[in-house]
N, C-alpha and C. Protein backbone atom coordinates (compact mmCIF):
# COMPACT_ATOMS: atom_id res chain seq x y z
N MET A 1 -7.31 20.56 -16.27
CA MET A 1 -6.42 21.59 -15.79
C MET A 1 -5.01 21.41 -16.35
N ILE A 2 -4.71 20.25 -16.84
CA ILE A 2 -3.39 20.03 -17.44
C ILE A 2 -3.20 20.96 -18.63
N SER A 3 -4.29 21.40 -19.24
CA SER A 3 -4.19 22.28 -20.40
C SER A 3 -3.45 23.57 -20.06
N ALA A 4 -3.61 24.09 -18.85
CA ALA A 4 -2.88 25.30 -18.45
C ALA A 4 -1.38 25.03 -18.42
N SER A 5 -1.01 23.87 -17.92
CA SER A 5 0.41 23.50 -17.88
C SER A 5 0.96 23.31 -19.28
N LEU A 6 0.19 22.67 -20.13
CA LEU A 6 0.65 22.41 -21.49
C LEU A 6 0.78 23.70 -22.30
N ALA A 7 -0.09 24.66 -22.03
CA ALA A 7 -0.05 25.93 -22.76
C ALA A 7 1.24 26.71 -22.48
N ILE A 8 1.84 26.48 -21.34
CA ILE A 8 3.07 27.19 -20.98
C ILE A 8 4.26 26.69 -21.80
N LEU A 9 4.23 25.42 -22.17
CA LEU A 9 5.36 24.80 -22.87
C LEU A 9 5.50 25.36 -24.28
N GLU A 10 6.74 25.38 -24.76
CA GLU A 10 7.04 26.00 -26.05
C GLU A 10 6.89 25.07 -27.24
N THR A 11 7.18 23.78 -27.08
CA THR A 11 7.17 22.89 -28.24
C THR A 11 6.08 21.82 -28.11
N ASP A 12 5.61 21.37 -29.26
CA ASP A 12 4.60 20.30 -29.29
C ASP A 12 5.18 19.01 -28.70
N GLU A 13 6.47 18.78 -28.93
CA GLU A 13 7.11 17.58 -28.40
C GLU A 13 7.03 17.56 -26.87
N GLN A 14 7.35 18.69 -26.25
CA GLN A 14 7.27 18.77 -24.79
C GLN A 14 5.82 18.63 -24.32
N ARG A 15 4.88 19.26 -25.03
CA ARG A 15 3.47 19.16 -24.66
C ARG A 15 2.99 17.71 -24.70
N ASN A 16 3.34 17.01 -25.78
CA ASN A 16 2.92 15.62 -25.92
C ASN A 16 3.56 14.74 -24.84
N GLU A 17 4.82 14.99 -24.57
CA GLU A 17 5.53 14.19 -23.57
C GLU A 17 4.95 14.43 -22.17
N LEU A 18 4.67 15.69 -21.83
CA LEU A 18 4.12 16.00 -20.52
C LEU A 18 2.68 15.48 -20.39
N ALA A 19 1.90 15.57 -21.47
CA ALA A 19 0.53 15.05 -21.45
C ALA A 19 0.54 13.54 -21.22
N GLY A 20 1.45 12.83 -21.87
CA GLY A 20 1.58 11.39 -21.66
C GLY A 20 2.00 11.07 -20.24
N PHE A 21 2.93 11.85 -19.73
CA PHE A 21 3.39 11.63 -18.35
C PHE A 21 2.25 11.90 -17.37
N TYR A 22 1.47 12.94 -17.63
CA TYR A 22 0.32 13.26 -16.77
C TYR A 22 -0.66 12.09 -16.73
N ASN A 23 -1.02 11.57 -17.90
CA ASN A 23 -1.97 10.46 -17.96
C ASN A 23 -1.44 9.22 -17.25
N LYS A 24 -0.14 9.01 -17.31
CA LYS A 24 0.47 7.84 -16.69
C LYS A 24 0.62 7.98 -15.18
N SER A 25 0.87 9.19 -14.69
CA SER A 25 1.27 9.33 -13.29
C SER A 25 0.31 10.11 -12.41
N ARG A 26 -0.77 10.65 -12.93
CA ARG A 26 -1.63 11.51 -12.11
C ARG A 26 -2.24 10.78 -10.92
N LYS A 27 -2.63 9.51 -11.08
CA LYS A 27 -3.22 8.77 -9.97
C LYS A 27 -2.19 8.54 -8.87
N ARG A 28 -0.99 8.23 -9.26
CA ARG A 28 0.07 8.01 -8.28
C ARG A 28 0.37 9.30 -7.52
N LEU A 29 0.47 10.42 -8.26
CA LEU A 29 0.74 11.70 -7.62
C LEU A 29 -0.41 12.11 -6.71
N TYR A 30 -1.63 11.83 -7.14
CA TYR A 30 -2.80 12.11 -6.31
C TYR A 30 -2.74 11.30 -5.01
N ALA A 31 -2.37 10.04 -5.12
CA ALA A 31 -2.27 9.17 -3.94
C ALA A 31 -1.23 9.71 -2.96
N ILE A 32 -0.11 10.17 -3.47
CA ILE A 32 0.93 10.74 -2.61
C ILE A 32 0.40 11.99 -1.92
N ALA A 33 -0.22 12.87 -2.69
CA ALA A 33 -0.74 14.12 -2.12
C ALA A 33 -1.83 13.84 -1.09
N TYR A 34 -2.72 12.92 -1.42
CA TYR A 34 -3.82 12.63 -0.49
C TYR A 34 -3.30 12.00 0.80
N SER A 35 -2.27 11.19 0.68
CA SER A 35 -1.72 10.56 1.89
C SER A 35 -1.15 11.59 2.86
N LYS A 36 -0.79 12.74 2.36
CA LYS A 36 -0.27 13.81 3.22
C LYS A 36 -1.38 14.77 3.66
N LEU A 37 -2.32 15.08 2.74
CA LEU A 37 -3.29 16.14 2.98
C LEU A 37 -4.64 15.63 3.50
N HIS A 38 -5.01 14.41 3.17
CA HIS A 38 -6.27 13.81 3.60
C HIS A 38 -7.48 14.64 3.18
N ASP A 39 -7.40 15.23 2.00
CA ASP A 39 -8.49 16.03 1.45
C ASP A 39 -8.40 15.94 -0.06
N SER A 40 -9.47 15.48 -0.71
CA SER A 40 -9.40 15.23 -2.15
C SER A 40 -9.19 16.51 -2.96
N ALA A 41 -9.85 17.59 -2.59
CA ALA A 41 -9.69 18.84 -3.35
C ALA A 41 -8.25 19.36 -3.22
N SER A 42 -7.72 19.31 -2.02
CA SER A 42 -6.34 19.77 -1.81
C SER A 42 -5.35 18.88 -2.54
N ALA A 43 -5.60 17.58 -2.54
CA ALA A 43 -4.71 16.65 -3.25
C ALA A 43 -4.73 16.93 -4.75
N GLU A 44 -5.91 17.19 -5.29
CA GLU A 44 -6.01 17.51 -6.72
C GLU A 44 -5.28 18.82 -7.01
N ASP A 45 -5.43 19.79 -6.12
CA ASP A 45 -4.71 21.07 -6.29
C ASP A 45 -3.19 20.84 -6.28
N ALA A 46 -2.73 19.95 -5.41
CA ALA A 46 -1.29 19.66 -5.34
C ALA A 46 -0.79 19.03 -6.63
N VAL A 47 -1.59 18.13 -7.20
CA VAL A 47 -1.20 17.50 -8.48
C VAL A 47 -1.13 18.56 -9.58
N GLN A 48 -2.14 19.41 -9.64
CA GLN A 48 -2.14 20.45 -10.67
C GLN A 48 -0.98 21.42 -10.50
N GLU A 49 -0.69 21.77 -9.27
CA GLU A 49 0.43 22.66 -8.99
C GLU A 49 1.75 21.99 -9.39
N THR A 50 1.83 20.68 -9.21
CA THR A 50 3.03 19.94 -9.63
C THR A 50 3.28 20.12 -11.12
N PHE A 51 2.23 19.95 -11.92
CA PHE A 51 2.41 20.07 -13.37
C PHE A 51 2.63 21.51 -13.80
N LEU A 52 2.07 22.46 -13.08
CA LEU A 52 2.36 23.87 -13.38
C LEU A 52 3.83 24.18 -13.12
N ARG A 53 4.36 23.64 -12.03
CA ARG A 53 5.79 23.86 -11.71
C ARG A 53 6.70 23.18 -12.73
N ILE A 54 6.31 21.99 -13.16
CA ILE A 54 7.10 21.30 -14.17
C ILE A 54 7.10 22.11 -15.46
N ALA A 55 5.93 22.61 -15.87
CA ALA A 55 5.83 23.37 -17.11
C ALA A 55 6.53 24.72 -17.00
N ASP A 56 6.57 25.27 -15.79
CA ASP A 56 7.20 26.56 -15.58
C ASP A 56 8.71 26.49 -15.80
N LYS A 57 9.30 25.35 -15.44
CA LYS A 57 10.74 25.15 -15.64
C LYS A 57 10.95 23.81 -16.35
N PRO A 58 10.57 23.74 -17.64
CA PRO A 58 10.62 22.46 -18.35
C PRO A 58 12.01 21.89 -18.51
N GLU A 59 13.02 22.76 -18.50
CA GLU A 59 14.39 22.27 -18.66
C GLU A 59 14.79 21.35 -17.51
N ASN A 60 14.25 21.59 -16.32
CA ASN A 60 14.56 20.72 -15.19
C ASN A 60 13.95 19.34 -15.39
N PHE A 61 12.68 19.30 -15.77
CA PHE A 61 11.98 18.03 -15.94
C PHE A 61 12.53 17.24 -17.12
N PHE A 62 12.65 17.90 -18.26
CA PHE A 62 13.10 17.20 -19.46
C PHE A 62 14.59 16.91 -19.44
N GLY A 63 15.32 17.53 -18.51
CA GLY A 63 16.73 17.22 -18.34
C GLY A 63 16.97 15.99 -17.49
N VAL A 64 15.92 15.49 -16.84
CA VAL A 64 16.01 14.30 -16.00
C VAL A 64 15.83 13.07 -16.90
N PRO A 65 16.63 12.02 -16.72
CA PRO A 65 16.44 10.80 -17.53
C PRO A 65 15.01 10.26 -17.37
N LEU A 66 14.49 9.65 -18.42
CA LEU A 66 13.11 9.14 -18.42
C LEU A 66 12.79 8.28 -17.21
N GLU A 67 13.71 7.41 -16.84
CA GLU A 67 13.44 6.48 -15.74
C GLU A 67 13.41 7.16 -14.36
N LYS A 68 13.85 8.41 -14.29
CA LYS A 68 13.87 9.11 -13.00
C LYS A 68 12.82 10.22 -12.93
N ARG A 69 12.05 10.42 -13.98
CA ARG A 69 11.06 11.50 -13.99
C ARG A 69 9.93 11.26 -12.99
N GLN A 70 9.54 10.01 -12.80
CA GLN A 70 8.47 9.73 -11.85
C GLN A 70 8.92 10.11 -10.44
N SER A 71 10.13 9.75 -10.09
CA SER A 71 10.67 10.10 -8.77
C SER A 71 10.76 11.61 -8.61
N TYR A 72 11.16 12.29 -9.68
CA TYR A 72 11.26 13.75 -9.68
C TYR A 72 9.90 14.37 -9.39
N ALA A 73 8.86 13.90 -10.08
CA ALA A 73 7.50 14.41 -9.87
C ALA A 73 6.99 14.04 -8.48
N ASP A 74 7.33 12.83 -8.00
CA ASP A 74 6.92 12.42 -6.64
C ASP A 74 7.44 13.40 -5.59
N VAL A 75 8.69 13.80 -5.75
CA VAL A 75 9.29 14.73 -4.79
C VAL A 75 8.58 16.08 -4.86
N ILE A 76 8.28 16.54 -6.06
CA ILE A 76 7.61 17.84 -6.20
C ILE A 76 6.24 17.80 -5.53
N VAL A 77 5.42 16.78 -5.82
CA VAL A 77 4.08 16.73 -5.24
C VAL A 77 4.14 16.56 -3.73
N ARG A 78 5.11 15.81 -3.25
CA ARG A 78 5.25 15.62 -1.80
C ARG A 78 5.60 16.96 -1.13
N ASN A 79 6.53 17.71 -1.73
CA ASN A 79 6.90 19.00 -1.16
C ASN A 79 5.76 20.01 -1.21
N ILE A 80 5.02 20.01 -2.30
CA ILE A 80 3.86 20.90 -2.41
C ILE A 80 2.84 20.53 -1.34
N SER A 81 2.63 19.25 -1.14
CA SER A 81 1.67 18.79 -0.12
C SER A 81 2.11 19.23 1.27
N TYR A 82 3.39 19.11 1.57
CA TYR A 82 3.89 19.55 2.86
C TYR A 82 3.72 21.07 3.03
N ASP A 83 3.97 21.82 1.95
CA ASP A 83 3.77 23.27 2.01
C ASP A 83 2.30 23.60 2.29
N MET A 84 1.40 22.88 1.63
CA MET A 84 -0.03 23.10 1.84
C MET A 84 -0.43 22.76 3.28
N LEU A 85 0.15 21.69 3.81
CA LEU A 85 -0.13 21.31 5.19
C LEU A 85 0.34 22.37 6.17
N ARG A 86 1.56 22.87 5.95
CA ARG A 86 2.09 23.92 6.82
C ARG A 86 1.18 25.15 6.79
N GLU A 87 0.73 25.49 5.61
CA GLU A 87 -0.17 26.64 5.46
C GLU A 87 -1.48 26.41 6.21
N LYS A 88 -2.00 25.19 6.10
CA LYS A 88 -3.26 24.85 6.77
C LYS A 88 -3.09 24.87 8.28
N ILE A 89 -1.97 24.36 8.77
CA ILE A 89 -1.72 24.30 10.21
C ILE A 89 -1.55 25.71 10.78
N ASN A 90 -0.90 26.57 10.04
CA ASN A 90 -0.65 27.93 10.53
C ASN A 90 -1.86 28.85 10.39
N LYS A 91 -2.90 28.38 9.72
CA LYS A 91 -4.11 29.17 9.56
C LYS A 91 -4.82 29.25 10.91
N PRO A 92 -5.31 30.43 11.32
CA PRO A 92 -5.97 30.53 12.62
C PRO A 92 -7.22 29.67 12.69
N ILE A 93 -7.48 29.13 13.88
CA ILE A 93 -8.66 28.30 14.10
C ILE A 93 -9.89 29.21 14.13
N GLU A 94 -10.94 28.76 13.44
CA GLU A 94 -12.18 29.54 13.40
C GLU A 94 -12.86 29.51 14.76
N ASN A 95 -13.70 30.48 14.97
CA ASN A 95 -14.44 30.60 16.22
C ASN A 95 -15.40 29.42 16.38
N LEU A 96 -15.33 28.74 17.50
CA LEU A 96 -16.19 27.59 17.75
C LEU A 96 -17.66 27.97 17.83
N ASP A 97 -17.96 29.23 18.15
CA ASP A 97 -19.35 29.66 18.24
C ASP A 97 -20.07 29.53 16.90
N ASP A 98 -19.32 29.55 15.79
CA ASP A 98 -19.91 29.42 14.47
C ASP A 98 -20.47 28.03 14.23
N TYR A 99 -20.10 27.05 15.06
CA TYR A 99 -20.49 25.67 14.85
C TYR A 99 -21.57 25.20 15.82
N GLU A 100 -22.23 26.11 16.50
CA GLU A 100 -23.28 25.71 17.43
C GLU A 100 -24.41 25.06 16.66
N SER A 101 -25.01 24.05 17.27
CA SER A 101 -26.15 23.38 16.66
C SER A 101 -27.10 22.95 17.75
N GLU A 102 -28.19 22.34 17.33
CA GLU A 102 -29.18 21.86 18.30
C GLU A 102 -28.58 20.82 19.24
N THR A 103 -27.67 20.01 18.75
CA THR A 103 -27.12 18.93 19.57
C THR A 103 -25.99 19.41 20.48
N ALA A 104 -25.58 20.66 20.34
CA ALA A 104 -24.47 21.16 21.15
C ALA A 104 -24.77 21.05 22.64
N THR A 105 -26.04 21.21 23.02
CA THR A 105 -26.38 21.13 24.43
C THR A 105 -26.46 19.69 24.91
N GLU A 106 -26.63 18.75 23.98
CA GLU A 106 -26.74 17.33 24.34
C GLU A 106 -25.39 16.67 24.55
N ILE A 107 -24.33 17.23 23.97
CA ILE A 107 -23.00 16.64 24.06
C ILE A 107 -22.14 17.55 24.91
N SER A 108 -21.49 16.97 25.89
CA SER A 108 -20.66 17.79 26.77
C SER A 108 -19.35 18.17 26.08
N LEU A 109 -18.79 19.26 26.51
CA LEU A 109 -17.51 19.71 25.98
C LEU A 109 -16.43 18.66 26.24
N GLU A 110 -16.51 18.01 27.38
CA GLU A 110 -15.54 16.96 27.72
C GLU A 110 -15.58 15.82 26.70
N ASP A 111 -16.81 15.39 26.31
CA ASP A 111 -16.95 14.32 25.32
C ASP A 111 -16.35 14.74 23.98
N ILE A 112 -16.59 15.97 23.59
CA ILE A 112 -16.05 16.47 22.32
C ILE A 112 -14.53 16.47 22.35
N VAL A 113 -13.97 16.94 23.44
CA VAL A 113 -12.50 17.01 23.57
C VAL A 113 -11.90 15.61 23.53
N ILE A 114 -12.50 14.66 24.26
CA ILE A 114 -11.99 13.29 24.29
C ILE A 114 -12.07 12.66 22.91
N ASP A 115 -13.21 12.82 22.22
CA ASP A 115 -13.36 12.27 20.88
C ASP A 115 -12.34 12.89 19.92
N ASN A 116 -12.16 14.20 20.01
CA ASN A 116 -11.19 14.87 19.14
C ASN A 116 -9.77 14.40 19.43
N GLU A 117 -9.45 14.22 20.70
CA GLU A 117 -8.11 13.73 21.06
C GLU A 117 -7.88 12.33 20.52
N ASN A 118 -8.88 11.46 20.63
CA ASN A 118 -8.74 10.09 20.12
C ASN A 118 -8.59 10.09 18.60
N ALA A 119 -9.41 10.89 17.93
CA ALA A 119 -9.33 10.96 16.47
C ALA A 119 -7.98 11.51 16.04
N GLN A 120 -7.53 12.57 16.70
CA GLN A 120 -6.24 13.15 16.36
C GLN A 120 -5.09 12.17 16.61
N ALA A 121 -5.18 11.42 17.70
CA ALA A 121 -4.14 10.44 18.00
C ALA A 121 -4.09 9.36 16.92
N LEU A 122 -5.27 8.92 16.47
CA LEU A 122 -5.31 7.91 15.41
C LEU A 122 -4.74 8.46 14.11
N ILE A 123 -5.08 9.69 13.79
CA ILE A 123 -4.55 10.32 12.57
C ILE A 123 -3.03 10.42 12.65
N VAL A 124 -2.53 10.86 13.78
CA VAL A 124 -1.07 10.97 13.96
C VAL A 124 -0.43 9.60 13.82
N PHE A 125 -1.05 8.58 14.41
CA PHE A 125 -0.51 7.22 14.32
C PHE A 125 -0.47 6.74 12.87
N ILE A 126 -1.57 6.92 12.14
CA ILE A 126 -1.61 6.47 10.75
C ILE A 126 -0.57 7.22 9.92
N ARG A 127 -0.42 8.51 10.16
CA ARG A 127 0.59 9.29 9.42
C ARG A 127 2.00 8.83 9.73
N SER A 128 2.20 8.22 10.89
CA SER A 128 3.54 7.76 11.27
C SER A 128 3.87 6.37 10.70
N MET A 129 2.89 5.71 10.11
CA MET A 129 3.13 4.38 9.54
C MET A 129 4.11 4.51 8.37
N PRO A 130 4.82 3.44 8.06
CA PRO A 130 5.71 3.47 6.89
C PRO A 130 4.91 3.81 5.62
N ASP A 131 5.53 4.57 4.71
CA ASP A 131 4.83 5.06 3.52
C ASP A 131 4.16 3.94 2.72
N GLY A 132 4.81 2.82 2.54
CA GLY A 132 4.23 1.73 1.74
C GLY A 132 2.94 1.20 2.34
N ILE A 133 2.93 1.03 3.65
CA ILE A 133 1.73 0.54 4.34
C ILE A 133 0.64 1.60 4.31
N LYS A 134 1.03 2.84 4.58
CA LYS A 134 0.08 3.96 4.59
C LYS A 134 -0.55 4.15 3.21
N ASP A 135 0.25 4.07 2.15
CA ASP A 135 -0.27 4.24 0.79
C ASP A 135 -1.26 3.14 0.43
N ALA A 136 -0.94 1.90 0.78
CA ALA A 136 -1.86 0.79 0.50
C ALA A 136 -3.17 0.97 1.27
N LEU A 137 -3.08 1.37 2.52
CA LEU A 137 -4.27 1.61 3.34
C LEU A 137 -5.12 2.72 2.76
N PHE A 138 -4.49 3.79 2.33
CA PHE A 138 -5.18 4.92 1.72
C PHE A 138 -5.93 4.48 0.46
N LEU A 139 -5.26 3.74 -0.41
CA LEU A 139 -5.90 3.30 -1.65
C LEU A 139 -7.08 2.38 -1.38
N LYS A 140 -6.96 1.53 -0.37
CA LYS A 140 -8.03 0.60 -0.02
C LYS A 140 -9.22 1.32 0.61
N THR A 141 -8.96 2.18 1.58
CA THR A 141 -10.05 2.79 2.34
C THR A 141 -10.68 3.98 1.65
N VAL A 142 -9.90 4.80 1.01
CA VAL A 142 -10.43 6.01 0.39
C VAL A 142 -10.91 5.75 -1.03
N HIS A 143 -10.10 5.07 -1.80
CA HIS A 143 -10.43 4.84 -3.20
C HIS A 143 -11.11 3.50 -3.45
N LYS A 144 -11.27 2.71 -2.40
CA LYS A 144 -11.92 1.40 -2.52
C LYS A 144 -11.24 0.55 -3.60
N ALA A 145 -9.92 0.68 -3.69
CA ALA A 145 -9.16 -0.07 -4.70
C ALA A 145 -9.06 -1.54 -4.29
N SER A 146 -9.06 -2.39 -5.29
CA SER A 146 -8.89 -3.83 -5.05
C SER A 146 -7.41 -4.11 -4.82
N GLY A 147 -7.12 -5.33 -4.38
CA GLY A 147 -5.73 -5.73 -4.19
C GLY A 147 -4.92 -5.62 -5.47
N ALA A 148 -5.54 -6.00 -6.58
CA ALA A 148 -4.85 -5.92 -7.88
C ALA A 148 -4.57 -4.46 -8.25
N GLU A 149 -5.54 -3.59 -8.00
CA GLU A 149 -5.35 -2.17 -8.32
C GLU A 149 -4.26 -1.56 -7.44
N ILE A 150 -4.26 -1.92 -6.16
CA ILE A 150 -3.24 -1.41 -5.25
C ILE A 150 -1.87 -1.88 -5.71
N ALA A 151 -1.77 -3.15 -6.07
CA ALA A 151 -0.50 -3.70 -6.55
C ALA A 151 -0.02 -2.95 -7.79
N ARG A 152 -0.93 -2.69 -8.71
CA ARG A 152 -0.57 -1.99 -9.94
C ARG A 152 -0.13 -0.55 -9.65
N LEU A 153 -0.90 0.16 -8.83
CA LEU A 153 -0.59 1.56 -8.54
C LEU A 153 0.72 1.73 -7.76
N LEU A 154 1.01 0.78 -6.87
CA LEU A 154 2.23 0.88 -6.07
C LEU A 154 3.39 0.11 -6.69
N ASP A 155 3.11 -0.54 -7.83
CA ASP A 155 4.14 -1.30 -8.54
C ASP A 155 4.74 -2.38 -7.65
N ILE A 156 3.83 -3.17 -7.04
CA ILE A 156 4.23 -4.30 -6.20
C ILE A 156 3.36 -5.49 -6.57
N SER A 157 3.67 -6.66 -6.03
CA SER A 157 2.86 -7.84 -6.30
C SER A 157 1.57 -7.77 -5.49
N GLU A 158 0.57 -8.55 -5.91
CA GLU A 158 -0.70 -8.58 -5.17
C GLU A 158 -0.49 -9.14 -3.77
N GLU A 159 0.40 -10.10 -3.64
CA GLU A 159 0.70 -10.66 -2.32
C GLU A 159 1.29 -9.58 -1.41
N ALA A 160 2.18 -8.76 -1.95
CA ALA A 160 2.77 -7.67 -1.15
C ALA A 160 1.69 -6.66 -0.75
N ALA A 161 0.76 -6.40 -1.65
CA ALA A 161 -0.34 -5.47 -1.33
C ALA A 161 -1.19 -6.04 -0.19
N ARG A 162 -1.51 -7.34 -0.26
CA ARG A 162 -2.30 -7.98 0.81
C ARG A 162 -1.55 -7.92 2.14
N LYS A 163 -0.25 -8.17 2.10
CA LYS A 163 0.54 -8.13 3.34
C LYS A 163 0.58 -6.73 3.93
N ARG A 164 0.69 -5.72 3.07
CA ARG A 164 0.71 -4.35 3.58
C ARG A 164 -0.62 -3.98 4.23
N LEU A 165 -1.73 -4.40 3.61
CA LEU A 165 -3.04 -4.12 4.19
C LEU A 165 -3.23 -4.87 5.50
N SER A 166 -2.79 -6.10 5.54
CA SER A 166 -2.89 -6.89 6.76
C SER A 166 -2.06 -6.25 7.87
N ARG A 167 -0.87 -5.81 7.54
CA ARG A 167 0.01 -5.17 8.51
C ARG A 167 -0.63 -3.87 9.02
N ALA A 168 -1.24 -3.10 8.11
CA ALA A 168 -1.90 -1.85 8.51
C ALA A 168 -3.03 -2.13 9.50
N ARG A 169 -3.85 -3.15 9.20
CA ARG A 169 -4.95 -3.50 10.11
C ARG A 169 -4.41 -3.92 11.48
N SER A 170 -3.37 -4.72 11.48
CA SER A 170 -2.77 -5.17 12.74
C SER A 170 -2.22 -4.00 13.55
N MET A 171 -1.54 -3.10 12.88
CA MET A 171 -0.95 -1.95 13.56
C MET A 171 -2.04 -1.06 14.17
N ILE A 172 -3.11 -0.83 13.41
CA ILE A 172 -4.21 0.01 13.91
C ILE A 172 -4.90 -0.68 15.07
N LYS A 173 -5.13 -1.98 14.96
CA LYS A 173 -5.77 -2.73 16.04
C LYS A 173 -4.95 -2.64 17.32
N GLU A 174 -3.64 -2.85 17.21
CA GLU A 174 -2.76 -2.76 18.38
C GLU A 174 -2.78 -1.36 18.98
N PHE A 175 -2.77 -0.35 18.13
CA PHE A 175 -2.81 1.02 18.61
C PHE A 175 -4.10 1.29 19.38
N LEU A 176 -5.23 0.88 18.81
CA LEU A 176 -6.52 1.12 19.46
C LEU A 176 -6.63 0.36 20.77
N GLU A 177 -6.09 -0.85 20.82
CA GLU A 177 -6.11 -1.62 22.07
C GLU A 177 -5.27 -0.92 23.14
N ARG A 178 -4.12 -0.40 22.76
CA ARG A 178 -3.28 0.33 23.72
C ARG A 178 -4.00 1.59 24.22
N ARG A 179 -4.66 2.30 23.30
CA ARG A 179 -5.40 3.52 23.68
C ARG A 179 -6.54 3.21 24.64
N SER A 180 -7.22 2.08 24.43
CA SER A 180 -8.36 1.77 25.27
C SER A 180 -7.93 1.40 26.69
N HIS A 181 -6.70 0.93 26.84
CA HIS A 181 -6.20 0.56 28.17
C HIS A 181 -5.62 1.76 28.92
N GLU A 182 -5.39 2.84 28.22
CA GLU A 182 -4.79 4.03 28.86
C GLU A 182 -5.82 4.86 29.60
């Protein structure tokens, strides 16, 4: 899909530079988008939209110093992800009757509501974690990344990656223990 973004650009120099930047940063941008959207297709759409926006106004991107372009793209993908989330949240909820199944009579509405509340509370808690811890947790659980891969993707040491994962596990454990006592 990067080809659509590259086709918009006027010069081969810009095309080559943006293609190189895409290859270098797409995983990082995907990780940022996924950490906000929690959906792989939506995260990929956010990354593609990021590069379309960059190509649409290349003077903004190429006017940024090389060392700040990653931060510039991070902000764009984060904002696109937030826009997508707002759109998803404001979308009307579908009729629950469409989801009836054979097991619907076996599970009480109360059980469904309690399970949904617990799941939603955990999601809200994880989203409230500091970005560094949340990103490491996302890479480990969703992408099954190793400590070395997490360190490389987040540009931190392997020890820092291990500490972030350990902290994430501790925070989640404490949260779940508090929830079970309530």
